[in-house]
Amino acid sequence: MNAVQFERERLYQATLAVGREMLRRNLLTDGELAIFDSKMREKYKPSLGSLYPVEVLDFLDNKAFPSDI
């Protein structure tokens, strides 16, 4: 990964972190976050961030390992 790719990835991840915080605070819905993620992937063209859309990451965070197991 070169410096330009790294910067695009960093900006994408930082922006997505803001979106997830907004979701956590109920300022965005799941659908709105998915749209936001899609637009940010188009804008920043991240190398790694585009491997797993936000829906997959949310599934892994919230459903694959439920706390009641």
C-alpha atoms as a PDB file:
ATOM      1  CA  MET A   1       0.000   0.000   0.000  1.00  0.00           C
ATOM      2  CA  ASN A   2       1.476   3.328  -0.995  1.00  0.00           C
ATOM      3  CA  ALA A   3       1.037   6.664   0.813  1.00  0.00           C
ATOM      4  CA  VAL A   4      -1.938   7.764  -1.300  1.00  0.00           C
ATOM      5  CA  GLN A   5      -3.778   4.476  -0.747  1.00  0.00           C
ATOM      6  CA  PHE A   6      -3.023   4.642   2.963  1.00  0.00           C
ATOM      7  CA  GLU A   7      -4.412   8.187   3.203  1.00  0.00           C
ATOM      8  CA  ARG A   8      -7.594   7.196   1.334  1.00  0.00           C
ATOM      9  CA  GLU A   9      -8.039   4.236   3.674  1.00  0.00           C
ATOM     10  CA  ARG A  10      -7.407   6.385   6.759  1.00  0.00           C
ATOM     11  CA  LEU A  11      -9.931   9.015   5.680  1.00  0.00           C
ATOM     12  CA  TYR A  12     -12.541   6.390   4.830  1.00  0.00           C
ATOM     13  CA  GLN A  13     -12.140   4.593   8.162  1.00  0.00           C
ATOM     14  CA  ALA A  14     -12.258   7.861  10.137  1.00  0.00           C
ATOM     15  CA  THR A  15     -15.372   8.991   8.279  1.00  0.00           C
ATOM     16  CA  LEU A  16     -17.064   5.637   8.769  1.00  0.00           C
ATOM     17  CA  ALA A  17     -16.283   5.786  12.497  1.00  0.00           C
ATOM     18  CA  VAL A  18     -18.258   9.048  12.651  1.00  0.00           C
ATOM     19  CA  GLY A  19     -21.154   7.391  10.823  1.00  0.00           C
ATOM     20  CA  ARG A  20     -21.168   4.457  13.244  1.00  0.00           C
ATOM     21  CA  GLU A  21     -21.164   6.813  16.205  1.00  0.00           C
ATOM     22  CA  MET A  22     -24.132   8.613  14.671  1.00  0.00           C
ATOM     23  CA  LEU A  23     -25.876   5.238  14.333  1.00  0.00           C
ATOM     24  CA  ARG A  24     -25.088   4.426  17.959  1.00  0.00           C
ATOM     25  CA  ARG A  25     -26.663   7.729  19.019  1.00  0.00           C
ATOM     26  CA  ASN A  26     -29.729   7.026  16.852  1.00  0.00           C
ATOM     27  CA  LEU A  27     -28.959   9.934  14.534  1.00  0.00           C
ATOM     28  CA  LEU A  28     -28.837   7.550  11.535  1.00  0.00           C
ATOM     29  CA  THR A  29     -30.750   4.387  10.726  1.00  0.00           C
ATOM     30  CA  ASP A  30     -29.072   1.190   9.529  1.00  0.00           C
ATOM     31  CA  GLY A  31     -30.218   1.979   5.994  1.00  0.00           C
ATOM     32  CA  GLU A  32     -28.872   5.509   6.123  1.00  0.00           C
ATOM     33  CA  LEU A  33     -25.528   4.218   7.376  1.00  0.00           C
ATOM     34  CA  ALA A  34     -25.402   1.750   4.480  1.00  0.00           C
ATOM     35  CA  ILE A  35     -26.034   4.588   2.011  1.00  0.00           C
ATOM     36  CA  PHE A  36     -23.431   6.742   3.784  1.00  0.00           C
ATOM     37  CA  ASP A  37     -20.912   3.887   3.605  1.00  0.00           C
ATOM     38  CA  SER A  38     -21.579   3.383  -0.094  1.00  0.00           C
ATOM     39  CA  LYS A  39     -21.062   7.075  -0.832  1.00  0.00           C
ATOM     40  CA  MET A  40     -17.882   7.218   1.233  1.00  0.00           C
ATOM     41  CA  ARG A  41     -16.500   4.135  -0.587  1.00  0.00           C
ATOM     42  CA  GLU A  42     -17.179   5.940  -3.872  1.00  0.00           C
ATOM     43  CA  LYS A  43     -15.501   9.100  -2.603  1.00  0.00           C
ATOM     44  CA  TYR A  44     -12.400   7.646  -0.932  1.00  0.00           C
ATOM     45  CA  LYS A  45     -11.977   4.392  -2.893  1.00  0.00           C
ATOM     46  CA  PRO A  46     -10.378   2.570   0.055  1.00  0.00           C
ATOM     47  CA  SER A  47      -8.230  -0.476  -0.659  1.00  0.00           C
ATOM     48  CA  LEU A  48      -9.216  -2.487   2.413  1.00  0.00           C
ATOM     49  CA  GLY A  49     -12.432  -0.803   3.510  1.00  0.00           C
ATOM     50  CA  SER A  50     -14.207  -1.822   0.338  1.00  0.00           C
ATOM     51  CA  LEU A  51     -13.653  -5.517   1.054  1.00  0.00           C
ATOM     52  CA  TYR A  52     -16.460  -5.636   3.616  1.00  0.00           C
ATOM     53  CA  PRO A  53     -19.416  -3.274   3.279  1.00  0.00           C
ATOM     54  CA  VAL A  54     -20.777  -1.848   6.507  1.00  0.00           C
ATOM     55  CA  GLU A  55     -23.692  -4.339   6.513  1.00  0.00           C
ATOM     56  CA  VAL A  56     -21.283  -7.270   6.792  1.00  0.00           C
ATOM     57  CA  LEU A  57     -19.229  -5.570   9.500  1.00  0.00           C
ATOM     58  CA  ASP A  58     -22.373  -4.767  11.479  1.00  0.00           C
ATOM     59  CA  PHE A  59     -23.491  -8.372  11.180  1.00  0.00           C
ATOM     60  CA  LEU A  60     -20.169  -9.565  12.516  1.00  0.00           C
ATOM     61  CA  ASP A  61     -20.168  -6.991  15.314  1.00  0.00           C
ATOM     62  CA  ASN A  62     -23.725  -7.579  16.473  1.00  0.00           C
ATOM     63  CA  LYS A  63     -24.973 -10.973  15.400  1.00  0.00           C
ATOM     64  CA  ALA A  64     -22.174 -13.433  14.828  1.00  0.00           C
ATOM     65  CA  PHE A  65     -21.084 -13.368  18.459  1.00  0.00           C
ATOM     66  CA  PRO A  66     -24.125 -12.520  20.594  1.00  0.00           C
ATOM     67  CA  SER A  67     -23.349 -11.688  24.178  1.00  0.00           C
ATOM     68  CA  ASP A  68     -25.833 -14.205  25.529  1.00  0.00           C
ATOM     69  CA  ILE A  69     -23.852 -17.234  24.270  1.00  0.00           C
END
